[in-house]
Amino acid sequence: MTTADEVGGTPARSKRADAVRNRETLVAVAAEAFVASGVDVPIREIAARAGVGVATIYRHFPTRADLVVAVYRHQVESCAQAGPALLAEAETPLVALSQWIDLFVDFLVTKHGLADALRADSGFETLHAYFLDRLVPACAQLLDAAVTAGEIADGLTAYELMRGVGNLCIGRQDDPDYDPRRLIAVLLRGLGRS
């Protein structure tokens, strides 16, 4: 016996896969909109960019906070998953670490407003813990590989490196003449063994 969806040529299971793809598309489009226009970008603008109605966004994300959390988690996952891939593809572990730090900086600077928007939510501490749980191990894997390869000296923890990079990124939104990447490049050169 077939379901009504199967009779129409689309198995019921594919609707679920389509819904997942639609949600992922909405998150990616929302992330781009947040980068371009800030977290307060109107939902109707995100819907227009995604080519869907506003109701579709609210079906997946009942509140703006739900959408912001989804974007935040998506960005954290992308950065966490990039670590092993970069390590496998890069010329050296230090190059992979530098490339990962560049992605981490993108997350920190271009996603302006996400953390501020989330701080108002009582679940911010949980999200921050998630951020640390996913990203510190990714950074540690890269840092350890560079130490093992003899490219950098031992003694710096992944958390310290991430915290230092994060601190160098503070203020980027308020000062268009400030480029944290220049100072981060100096920091990374300083880690290298001469």
C-alpha atoms as a PDB file:
ATOM      1  CA  MET A   1       0.000   0.000   0.000  1.00  0.00           C
ATOM      2  CA  THR A   2       1.250   3.509  -0.788  1.00  0.00           C
ATOM      3  CA  THR A   3       0.743   6.775   1.007  1.00  0.00           C
ATOM      4  CA  ALA A   4      -0.823   9.778  -0.681  1.00  0.00           C
ATOM      5  CA  ASP A   5       2.617  11.340  -1.041  1.00  0.00           C
ATOM      6  CA  GLU A   6       3.996   8.229  -2.703  1.00  0.00           C
ATOM      7  CA  VAL A   7       1.096   8.210  -5.152  1.00  0.00           C
ATOM      8  CA  GLY A   8       2.036  11.785  -6.068  1.00  0.00           C
ATOM      9  CA  GLY A   9       5.556  10.604  -6.807  1.00  0.00           C
ATOM     10  CA  THR A  10       7.204  11.945  -3.657  1.00  0.00           C
ATOM     11  CA  PRO A  11       7.712   9.549  -0.755  1.00  0.00           C
ATOM     12  CA  ALA A  12       6.640  10.864   2.641  1.00  0.00           C
ATOM     13  CA  ARG A  13      10.230  10.589   3.857  1.00  0.00           C
ATOM     14  CA  SER A  14      11.491  13.114   1.258  1.00  0.00           C
ATOM     15  CA  LYS A  15       9.282  15.818   2.736  1.00  0.00           C
ATOM     16  CA  ARG A  16      11.283  15.559   5.915  1.00  0.00           C
ATOM     17  CA  ALA A  17      14.533  15.830   3.947  1.00  0.00           C
ATOM     18  CA  ASP A  18      13.132  18.824   2.064  1.00  0.00           C
ATOM     19  CA  ALA A  19      12.159  20.459   5.350  1.00  0.00           C
ATOM     20  CA  VAL A  20      15.688  19.947   6.669  1.00  0.00           C
ATOM     21  CA  ARG A  21      17.178  21.426   3.493  1.00  0.00           C
ATOM     22  CA  ASN A  22      14.765  24.368   3.666  1.00  0.00           C
ATOM     23  CA  ARG A  23      15.737  25.018   7.272  1.00  0.00           C
ATOM     24  CA  GLU A  24      19.442  24.854   6.410  1.00  0.00           C
ATOM     25  CA  THR A  25      18.902  27.243   3.506  1.00  0.00           C
ATOM     26  CA  LEU A  26      17.051  29.673   5.757  1.00  0.00           C
ATOM     27  CA  VAL A  27      19.877  29.564   8.307  1.00  0.00           C
ATOM     28  CA  ALA A  28      22.508  30.202   5.618  1.00  0.00           C
ATOM     29  CA  VAL A  29      20.516  33.076   4.127  1.00  0.00           C
ATOM     30  CA  ALA A  30      19.867  34.556   7.578  1.00  0.00           C
ATOM     31  CA  ALA A  31      23.596  34.351   8.357  1.00  0.00           C
ATOM     32  CA  GLU A  32      24.394  36.278   5.159  1.00  0.00           C
ATOM     33  CA  ALA A  33      21.720  38.850   5.974  1.00  0.00           C
ATOM     34  CA  PHE A  34      23.081  39.264   9.508  1.00  0.00           C
ATOM     35  CA  VAL A  35      26.560  39.866   8.101  1.00  0.00           C
ATOM     36  CA  ALA A  36      25.293  42.406   5.569  1.00  0.00           C
ATOM     37  CA  SER A  37      22.700  44.230   7.664  1.00  0.00           C
ATOM     38  CA  GLY A  38      23.105  43.172  11.286  1.00  0.00           C
ATOM     39  CA  VAL A  39      20.998  40.934  13.495  1.00  0.00           C
ATOM     40  CA  ASP A  40      18.075  43.347  13.410  1.00  0.00           C
ATOM     41  CA  VAL A  41      17.533  42.845   9.663  1.00  0.00           C
ATOM     42  CA  PRO A  42      13.776  42.532   9.058  1.00  0.00           C
ATOM     43  CA  ILE A  43      12.470  38.973   8.774  1.00  0.00           C
ATOM     44  CA  ARG A  44      10.698  39.961   5.535  1.00  0.00           C
ATOM     45  CA  GLU A  45      14.131  40.800   4.041  1.00  0.00           C
ATOM     46  CA  ILE A  46      15.501  37.378   5.020  1.00  0.00           C
ATOM     47  CA  ALA A  47      12.384  35.770   3.516  1.00  0.00           C
ATOM     48  CA  ALA A  48      12.820  37.733   0.285  1.00  0.00           C
ATOM     49  CA  ARG A  49      16.496  36.724   0.036  1.00  0.00           C
ATOM     50  CA  ALA A  50      15.511  33.090   0.594  1.00  0.00           C
ATOM     51  CA  GLY A  51      12.645  33.273  -1.892  1.00  0.00           C
ATOM     52  CA  VAL A  52      10.054  32.195   0.679  1.00  0.00           C
ATOM     53  CA  GLY A  53       7.219  33.791   2.565  1.00  0.00           C
ATOM     54  CA  VAL A  54       7.601  35.218   6.054  1.00  0.00           C
ATOM     55  CA  ALA A  55       5.316  32.462   7.363  1.00  0.00           C
ATOM     56  CA  THR A  56       7.836  29.850   6.195  1.00  0.00           C
ATOM     57  CA  ILE A  57      10.529  31.412   8.361  1.00  0.00           C
ATOM     58  CA  TYR A  58       8.208  31.560  11.376  1.00  0.00           C
ATOM     59  CA  ARG A  59       7.205  27.923  10.810  1.00  0.00           C
ATOM     60  CA  HIS A  60      10.852  26.932  11.250  1.00  0.00           C
ATOM     61  CA  PHE A  61      11.811  29.658  13.752  1.00  0.00           C
ATOM     62  CA  PRO A  62       8.863  30.920  15.832  1.00  0.00           C
ATOM     63  CA  THR A  63      10.882  33.848  17.222  1.00  0.00           C
ATOM     64  CA  ARG A  64      13.805  35.984  16.065  1.00  0.00           C
ATOM     65  CA  ALA A  65      15.794  34.558  18.976  1.00  0.00           C
ATOM     66  CA  ASP A  66      15.235  31.039  17.594  1.00  0.00           C
ATOM     67  CA  LEU A  67      16.655  32.151  14.256  1.00  0.00           C
ATOM     68  CA  VAL A  68      19.626  33.891  15.876  1.00  0.00           C
ATOM     69  CA  VAL A  69      20.398  30.772  17.935  1.00  0.00           C
ATOM     70  CA  ALA A  70      20.198  28.591  14.811  1.00  0.00           C
ATOM     71  CA  VAL A  71      22.592  30.893  12.935  1.00  0.00           C
ATOM     72  CA  TYR A  72      24.974  30.970  15.914  1.00  0.00           C
ATOM     73  CA  ARG A  73      24.991  27.165  16.149  1.00  0.00           C
ATOM     74  CA  HIS A  74      25.444  26.840  12.385  1.00  0.00           C
ATOM     75  CA  GLN A  75      28.467  29.155  12.458  1.00  0.00           C
ATOM     76  CA  VAL A  76      30.007  27.305  15.404  1.00  0.00           C
ATOM     77  CA  GLU A  77      29.540  23.951  13.651  1.00  0.00           C
ATOM     78  CA  SER A  78      31.053  25.232  10.413  1.00  0.00           C
ATOM     79  CA  CYS A  79      34.119  26.477  12.271  1.00  0.00           C
ATOM     80  CA  ALA A  80      34.448  23.282  14.329  1.00  0.00           C
ATOM     81  CA  GLN A  81      34.167  21.017  11.284  1.00  0.00           C
ATOM     82  CA  ALA A  82      36.700  23.064   9.331  1.00  0.00           C
ATOM     83  CA  GLY A  83      39.536  22.170  11.734  1.00  0.00           C
ATOM     84  CA  PRO A  84      40.092  18.535  10.754  1.00  0.00           C
ATOM     85  CA  ALA A  85      39.523  19.300   7.064  1.00  0.00           C
ATOM     86  CA  LEU A  86      42.116  22.066   7.084  1.00  0.00           C
ATOM     87  CA  LEU A  87      44.596  19.869   8.931  1.00  0.00           C
ATOM     88  CA  ALA A  88      44.171  17.154   6.306  1.00  0.00           C
ATOM     89  CA  GLU A  89      44.517  19.542   3.345  1.00  0.00           C
ATOM     90  CA  ALA A  90      47.018  22.210   4.422  1.00  0.00           C
ATOM     91  CA  GLU A  91      50.709  22.136   3.606  1.00  0.00           C
ATOM     92  CA  THR A  92      51.661  22.197   7.315  1.00  0.00           C
ATOM     93  CA  PRO A  93      49.826  22.159  10.650  1.00  0.00           C
ATOM     94  CA  LEU A  94      50.780  25.801  11.244  1.00  0.00           C
ATOM     95  CA  VAL A  95      49.228  26.764   7.906  1.00  0.00           C
ATOM     96  CA  ALA A  96      46.085  24.835   8.890  1.00  0.00           C
ATOM     97  CA  LEU A  97      46.022  26.601  12.275  1.00  0.00           C
ATOM     98  CA  SER A  98      46.408  29.987  10.575  1.00  0.00           C
ATOM     99  CA  GLN A  99      43.599  29.202   8.139  1.00  0.00           C
ATOM    100  CA  TRP A 100      41.357  28.046  10.989  1.00  0.00           C
ATOM    101  CA  ILE A 101      42.123  31.193  12.991  1.00  0.00           C
ATOM    102  CA  ASP A 102      41.108  33.184   9.904  1.00  0.00           C
ATOM    103  CA  LEU A 103      37.737  31.368   9.859  1.00  0.00           C
ATOM    104  CA  PHE A 104      37.393  31.925  13.604  1.00  0.00           C
ATOM    105  CA  VAL A 105      38.020  35.647  13.097  1.00  0.00           C
ATOM    106  CA  ASP A 106      35.341  35.680  10.384  1.00  0.00           C
ATOM    107  CA  PHE A 107      32.957  34.154  12.899  1.00  0.00           C
ATOM    108  CA  LEU A 108      33.918  36.669  15.576  1.00  0.00           C
ATOM    109  CA  VAL A 109      33.941  39.854  13.484  1.00  0.00           C
ATOM    110  CA  THR A 110      31.400  39.342  10.764  1.00  0.00           C
ATOM    111  CA  LYS A 111      28.732  37.878  12.977  1.00  0.00           C
ATOM    112  CA  HIS A 112      28.486  41.134  14.868  1.00  0.00           C
ATOM    113  CA  GLY A 113      25.484  41.402  17.049  1.00  0.00           C
ATOM    114  CA  LEU A 114      24.823  37.668  17.441  1.00  0.00           C
ATOM    115  CA  ALA A 115      26.298  37.463  20.915  1.00  0.00           C
ATOM    116  CA  ASP A 116      24.666  40.733  21.965  1.00  0.00           C
ATOM    117  CA  ALA A 117      21.310  39.505  20.702  1.00  0.00           C
ATOM    118  CA  LEU A 118      21.777  36.215  22.524  1.00  0.00           C
ATOM    119  CA  ARG A 119      22.852  37.762  25.836  1.00  0.00           C
ATOM    120  CA  ALA A 120      19.290  38.926  26.376  1.00  0.00           C
ATOM    121  CA  ASP A 121      18.220  35.283  26.185  1.00  0.00           C
ATOM    122  CA  SER A 122      18.500  33.269  29.362  1.00  0.00           C
ATOM    123  CA  GLY A 123      20.123  30.438  27.391  1.00  0.00           C
ATOM    124  CA  PHE A 124      23.247  32.433  26.474  1.00  0.00           C
ATOM    125  CA  GLU A 125      25.411  30.610  29.007  1.00  0.00           C
ATOM    126  CA  THR A 126      24.403  27.287  27.484  1.00  0.00           C
ATOM    127  CA  LEU A 127      25.264  28.551  24.003  1.00  0.00           C
ATOM    128  CA  HIS A 128      28.595  29.910  25.195  1.00  0.00           C
ATOM    129  CA  ALA A 129      29.391  26.528  26.734  1.00  0.00           C
ATOM    130  CA  TYR A 130      28.434  24.907  23.409  1.00  0.00           C
ATOM    131  CA  PHE A 131      30.762  27.351  21.622  1.00  0.00           C
ATOM    132  CA  LEU A 132      33.650  26.359  23.895  1.00  0.00           C
ATOM    133  CA  ASP A 133      32.834  22.621  23.780  1.00  0.00           C
ATOM    134  CA  ARG A 134      32.912  22.609  19.976  1.00  0.00           C
ATOM    135  CA  LEU A 135      35.661  25.095  19.156  1.00  0.00           C
ATOM    136  CA  VAL A 136      38.311  24.597  21.847  1.00  0.00           C
ATOM    137  CA  PRO A 137      38.913  20.953  20.812  1.00  0.00           C
ATOM    138  CA  ALA A 138      39.110  21.952  17.129  1.00  0.00           C
ATOM    139  CA  CYS A 139      41.688  24.617  17.920  1.00  0.00           C
ATOM    140  CA  ALA A 140      43.552  22.262  20.295  1.00  0.00           C
ATOM    141  CA  GLN A 141      43.871  19.618  17.575  1.00  0.00           C
ATOM    142  CA  LEU A 142      45.456  22.153  15.224  1.00  0.00           C
ATOM    143  CA  LEU A 143      47.664  23.672  17.916  1.00  0.00           C
ATOM    144  CA  ASP A 144      48.874  20.251  19.073  1.00  0.00           C
ATOM    145  CA  ALA A 145      49.667  19.224  15.499  1.00  0.00           C
ATOM    146  CA  ALA A 146      51.750  22.392  15.003  1.00  0.00           C
ATOM    147  CA  VAL A 147      53.601  21.725  18.285  1.00  0.00           C
ATOM    148  CA  THR A 148      54.220  18.086  17.319  1.00  0.00           C
ATOM    149  CA  ALA A 149      55.540  19.199  13.920  1.00  0.00           C
ATOM    150  CA  GLY A 150      57.955  21.531  15.714  1.00  0.00           C
ATOM    151  CA  GLU A 151      56.438  24.609  14.085  1.00  0.00           C
ATOM    152  CA  ILE A 152      55.502  26.343  17.336  1.00  0.00           C
ATOM    153  CA  ALA A 153      56.639  26.148  20.916  1.00  0.00           C
ATOM    154  CA  ASP A 154      54.635  24.182  23.458  1.00  0.00           C
ATOM    155  CA  GLY A 155      52.902  25.862  26.368  1.00  0.00           C
ATOM    156  CA  LEU A 156      49.972  27.799  24.897  1.00  0.00           C
ATOM    157  CA  THR A 157      46.501  26.325  25.346  1.00  0.00           C
ATOM    158  CA  ALA A 158      43.793  26.464  22.692  1.00  0.00           C
ATOM    159  CA  TYR A 159      41.562  28.442  25.034  1.00  0.00           C
ATOM    160  CA  GLU A 160      44.306  31.039  25.581  1.00  0.00           C
ATOM    161  CA  LEU A 161      44.874  31.386  21.846  1.00  0.00           C
ATOM    162  CA  MET A 162      41.152  31.714  21.113  1.00  0.00           C
ATOM    163  CA  ARG A 163      40.713  34.195  23.943  1.00  0.00           C
ATOM    164  CA  GLY A 164      43.650  36.267  22.666  1.00  0.00           C
ATOM    165  CA  VAL A 165      42.284  36.276  19.128  1.00  0.00           C
ATOM    166  CA  GLY A 166      38.829  37.168  20.460  1.00  0.00           C
ATOM    167  CA  ASN A 167      40.217  40.061  22.472  1.00  0.00           C
ATOM    168  CA  LEU A 168      42.032  41.391  19.401  1.00  0.00           C
ATOM    169  CA  CYS A 169      38.698  41.374  17.537  1.00  0.00           C
ATOM    170  CA  ILE A 170      36.900  43.519  20.104  1.00  0.00           C
ATOM    171  CA  GLY A 171      35.975  46.934  18.785  1.00  0.00           C
ATOM    172  CA  ARG A 172      36.049  46.044  15.088  1.00  0.00           C
ATOM    173  CA  GLN A 173      32.411  47.061  14.651  1.00  0.00           C
ATOM    174  CA  ASP A 174      33.005  50.517  16.117  1.00  0.00           C
ATOM    175  CA  ASP A 175      36.190  51.382  14.233  1.00  0.00           C
ATOM    176  CA  PRO A 176      36.361  50.700  10.488  1.00  0.00           C
ATOM    177  CA  ASP A 177      40.070  51.643  10.493  1.00  0.00           C
ATOM    178  CA  TYR A 178      40.924  48.851  12.938  1.00  0.00           C
ATOM    179  CA  ASP A 179      41.927  45.570  11.312  1.00  0.00           C
ATOM    180  CA  PRO A 180      42.345  42.829  13.904  1.00  0.00           C
ATOM    181  CA  ARG A 181      43.783  40.486  11.282  1.00  0.00           C
ATOM    182  CA  ARG A 182      47.031  42.479  11.202  1.00  0.00           C
ATOM    183  CA  LEU A 183      47.582  41.967  14.931  1.00  0.00           C
ATOM    184  CA  ILE A 184      46.486  38.340  14.729  1.00  0.00           C
ATOM    185  CA  ALA A 185      49.085  37.769  11.993  1.00  0.00           C
ATOM    186  CA  VAL A 186      51.718  39.219  14.347  1.00  0.00           C
ATOM    187  CA  LEU A 187      50.462  36.916  17.117  1.00  0.00           C
ATOM    188  CA  LEU A 188      50.691  33.858  14.860  1.00  0.00           C
ATOM    189  CA  ARG A 189      54.186  34.811  13.670  1.00  0.00           C
ATOM    190  CA  GLY A 190      55.178  35.143  17.313  1.00  0.00           C
ATOM    191  CA  LEU A 191      54.081  31.544  17.944  1.00  0.00           C
ATOM    192  CA  GLY A 192      56.394  30.246  15.228  1.00  0.00           C
ATOM    193  CA  ARG A 193      59.818  28.886  16.027  1.00  0.00           C
ATOM    194  CA  SER A 194      62.674  30.883  14.594  1.00  0.00           C
END
